Amino acid sequence: MIETGEKIDTNFKLDIVKDGEEQKVSFDELLDRPTIVSVYMRNNTSGCDKQNKSLAEHADWFDEHGYNLVAISKDTCGSHKNYAEKLGINYILASDPAYKFAEATDSVVEKNMFGNKYNAPTRSAYLLDTDGTVKAIIEKINTKDHASELKSMIENL
């Protein structure tokens, strides 16, 4: 996994849902101010719903304090649009089925579910500066209280 102080490669494209609209963007376009990227596995699953509900409830706080919020999973933008509406999400949802962000942060790991092994990103969060420098990392997210742990991370910088 990438470490604090290192710079990620921001030269890749993602499909996103922002303000209910689908867009294709270069990742570095999302870094117009410090940005929190919260990685989750899949829309409409218990832990991921808790993680995103926590962010949605506190999204205005992050905006008011000068941070972009981006939640990223392998789900399609169509799924993200429905998910955003269902949970009242007003931050960016990014679709990354090829795990480009996870590769940029060196956070693809082998997982095992029901005896099946596969590679997938870790459930983690990154605070990135506008140039892609990693300012802070949460390696294991507390899904129920994700916004509070991010606030604490910011306050302790």
Protein backbone atom coordinates (compact mmCIF):
# COMPACT_ATOMS: atom_id res chain seq x y z
CA MET A 1 0.00 0.00 0.00
CA ILE A 2 1.16 3.52 -0.77
CA GLU A 3 2.39 5.51 2.21
CA THR A 4 1.71 8.99 3.52
CA GLY A 5 3.85 11.56 1.72
CA GLU A 6 4.02 9.57 -1.51
CA LYS A 7 2.36 10.79 -4.70
CA ILE A 8 -0.08 8.60 -6.63
CA ASP A 9 -0.24 8.39 -10.40
CA THR A 10 -3.32 10.46 -11.27
CA ASN A 11 -3.12 9.80 -15.00
CA PHE A 12 -6.18 7.60 -15.48
CA LYS A 13 -9.83 8.10 -16.37
CA LEU A 14 -12.94 7.21 -14.42
CA ASP A 15 -16.66 7.39 -15.00
CA ILE A 16 -18.37 9.34 -12.23
CA VAL A 17 -21.78 10.47 -11.09
CA LYS A 18 -21.77 14.08 -9.93
CA ASP A 19 -24.97 15.98 -9.20
CA GLY A 20 -26.96 13.16 -10.81
CA GLU A 21 -25.05 13.35 -14.10
CA GLU A 22 -22.65 10.79 -15.57
CA GLN A 23 -19.27 12.09 -16.70
CA LYS A 24 -15.94 10.67 -17.82
CA VAL A 25 -13.07 12.50 -16.12
CA SER A 26 -9.36 12.24 -15.65
CA PHE A 27 -8.74 11.45 -11.98
CA ASP A 28 -6.59 14.54 -11.54
CA GLU A 29 -9.64 16.69 -12.45
CA LEU A 30 -11.21 15.55 -9.16
CA LEU A 31 -8.29 17.06 -7.24
CA ASP A 32 -9.23 20.73 -7.59
CA ARG A 33 -8.96 20.92 -3.78
CA PRO A 34 -7.89 18.38 -1.12
CA THR A 35 -9.90 15.23 -1.75
CA ILE A 36 -10.98 12.29 0.37
CA VAL A 37 -11.35 9.06 -1.58
CA SER A 38 -13.34 6.40 0.27
CA VAL A 39 -13.10 2.93 -1.26
CA TYR A 40 -16.01 0.54 -0.82
CA MET A 41 -16.90 -2.77 -2.41
CA ARG A 42 -20.44 -2.58 -3.77
CA ASN A 43 -23.66 -0.59 -3.70
CA ASN A 44 -26.59 -1.95 -1.71
CA THR A 45 -24.62 -4.12 0.70
CA SER A 46 -24.82 -3.75 4.47
CA GLY A 47 -21.32 -2.47 5.30
CA CYS A 48 -21.06 -0.28 2.21
CA ASP A 49 -24.48 1.25 2.89
CA LYS A 50 -23.38 2.13 6.44
CA GLN A 51 -20.14 3.62 5.11
CA ASN A 52 -21.92 5.80 2.55
CA LYS A 53 -24.79 6.79 4.86
CA SER A 54 -22.19 8.09 7.32
CA LEU A 55 -20.54 10.13 4.56
CA ALA A 56 -23.87 11.40 3.21
CA GLU A 57 -24.93 12.63 6.67
CA HIS A 58 -21.72 14.67 7.02
CA ALA A 59 -20.95 15.61 3.40
CA ASP A 60 -21.70 19.29 4.00
CA TRP A 61 -19.11 19.43 6.80
CA PHE A 62 -16.37 18.21 4.44
CA ASP A 63 -17.44 20.68 1.76
CA GLU A 64 -17.51 23.58 4.23
CA HIS A 65 -14.00 22.64 5.40
CA GLY A 66 -12.63 22.64 1.84
CA TYR A 67 -12.59 18.94 0.95
CA ASN A 68 -14.00 17.03 -1.98
CA LEU A 69 -15.58 13.67 -1.17
CA VAL A 70 -15.32 10.80 -3.65
CA ALA A 71 -16.60 7.30 -2.93
CA ILE A 72 -15.32 4.68 -5.33
CA SER A 73 -16.41 1.13 -6.16
CA LYS A 74 -16.62 -1.17 -9.15
CA ASP A 75 -20.34 -0.44 -9.64
CA THR A 76 -21.55 1.16 -12.87
CA CYS A 77 -22.65 4.77 -13.07
CA GLY A 78 -26.22 3.58 -13.63
CA SER A 79 -26.08 1.74 -10.32
CA HIS A 80 -24.42 4.77 -8.69
CA LYS A 81 -27.23 7.09 -9.84
CA ASN A 82 -29.87 4.89 -8.20
CA TYR A 83 -27.70 4.44 -5.10
CA ALA A 84 -27.15 8.19 -4.72
CA GLU A 85 -30.87 8.82 -4.93
CA LYS A 86 -31.67 6.04 -2.46
CA LEU A 87 -29.16 7.23 0.19
CA GLY A 88 -29.31 10.98 -0.47
CA ILE A 89 -25.69 11.12 -1.60
CA ASN A 90 -24.58 14.54 -2.82
CA TYR A 91 -20.88 13.79 -3.33
CA ILE A 92 -19.11 12.12 -6.24
CA LEU A 93 -19.52 8.38 -6.81
CA ALA A 94 -16.84 6.94 -9.07
CA SER A 95 -17.02 3.74 -11.08
CA ASP A 96 -13.73 1.83 -11.15
CA PRO A 97 -14.29 -1.75 -12.35
CA ALA A 98 -10.64 -2.03 -13.50
CA TYR A 99 -9.36 -0.96 -10.04
CA LYS A 100 -7.27 1.88 -11.48
CA PHE A 101 -7.38 3.85 -8.22
CA ALA A 102 -6.49 0.76 -6.19
CA GLU A 103 -3.56 0.12 -8.50
CA ALA A 104 -2.43 3.76 -8.12
CA THR A 105 -2.47 3.32 -4.32
CA ASP A 106 -1.05 -0.22 -4.43
CA SER A 107 -4.06 -1.47 -2.48
CA VAL A 108 -5.25 -4.47 -4.49
CA VAL A 109 -5.13 -7.53 -2.25
CA GLU A 110 -6.12 -11.16 -2.48
CA LYS A 111 -9.45 -11.86 -0.80
CA ASN A 112 -11.24 -15.08 -0.01
CA MET A 113 -15.02 -15.47 0.08
CA PHE A 114 -16.68 -18.85 0.46
CA GLY A 115 -13.44 -20.54 -0.61
CA ASN A 116 -13.13 -18.44 -3.77
CA LYS A 117 -9.98 -16.35 -4.04
CA TYR A 118 -10.01 -13.11 -6.00
CA ASN A 119 -8.21 -9.77 -6.12
CA ALA A 120 -9.96 -6.58 -5.03
CA PRO A 121 -9.20 -3.24 -3.38
CA THR A 122 -9.00 -2.85 0.38
CA ARG A 123 -11.79 -0.94 2.10
CA SER A 124 -9.73 2.14 2.89
CA ALA A 125 -9.76 5.93 2.66
CA TYR A 126 -7.17 8.40 1.39
CA LEU A 127 -6.77 12.12 1.86
CA LEU A 128 -5.05 13.46 -1.25
CA ASP A 129 -3.62 16.91 -1.88
CA THR A 130 -4.29 18.64 -5.20
CA ASP A 131 -1.09 17.21 -6.71
CA GLY A 132 -1.92 13.61 -5.73
CA THR A 133 0.26 13.51 -2.62
CA VAL A 134 -1.16 11.22 0.06
CA LYS A 135 -1.68 13.31 3.21
CA ALA A 136 -3.32 10.56 5.32
CA ILE A 137 -4.67 7.01 5.05
CA ILE A 138 -7.25 5.00 6.94
CA GLU A 139 -6.33 1.41 6.14
CA LYS A 140 -9.38 -0.22 7.72
CA ILE A 141 -12.61 1.78 7.66
CA ASN A 142 -15.11 1.75 10.50
CA THR A 143 -18.22 1.52 8.31
CA LYS A 144 -20.66 2.70 11.01
CA ASP A 145 -18.71 5.82 11.93
CA HIS A 146 -16.69 6.56 8.80
CA ALA A 147 -17.35 10.31 8.69
CA SER A 148 -16.22 10.77 12.29
CA GLU A 149 -12.98 8.89 11.71
CA LEU A 150 -12.31 11.05 8.62
CA LYS A 151 -13.02 14.24 10.59
CA SER A 152 -10.64 13.07 13.31
CA MET A 153 -7.99 12.28 10.69
CA ILE A 154 -8.33 15.81 9.25
CA GLU A 155 -8.22 17.48 12.65
CA ASN A 156 -5.03 15.57 13.54
CA LEU A 157 -3.09 16.64 10.45
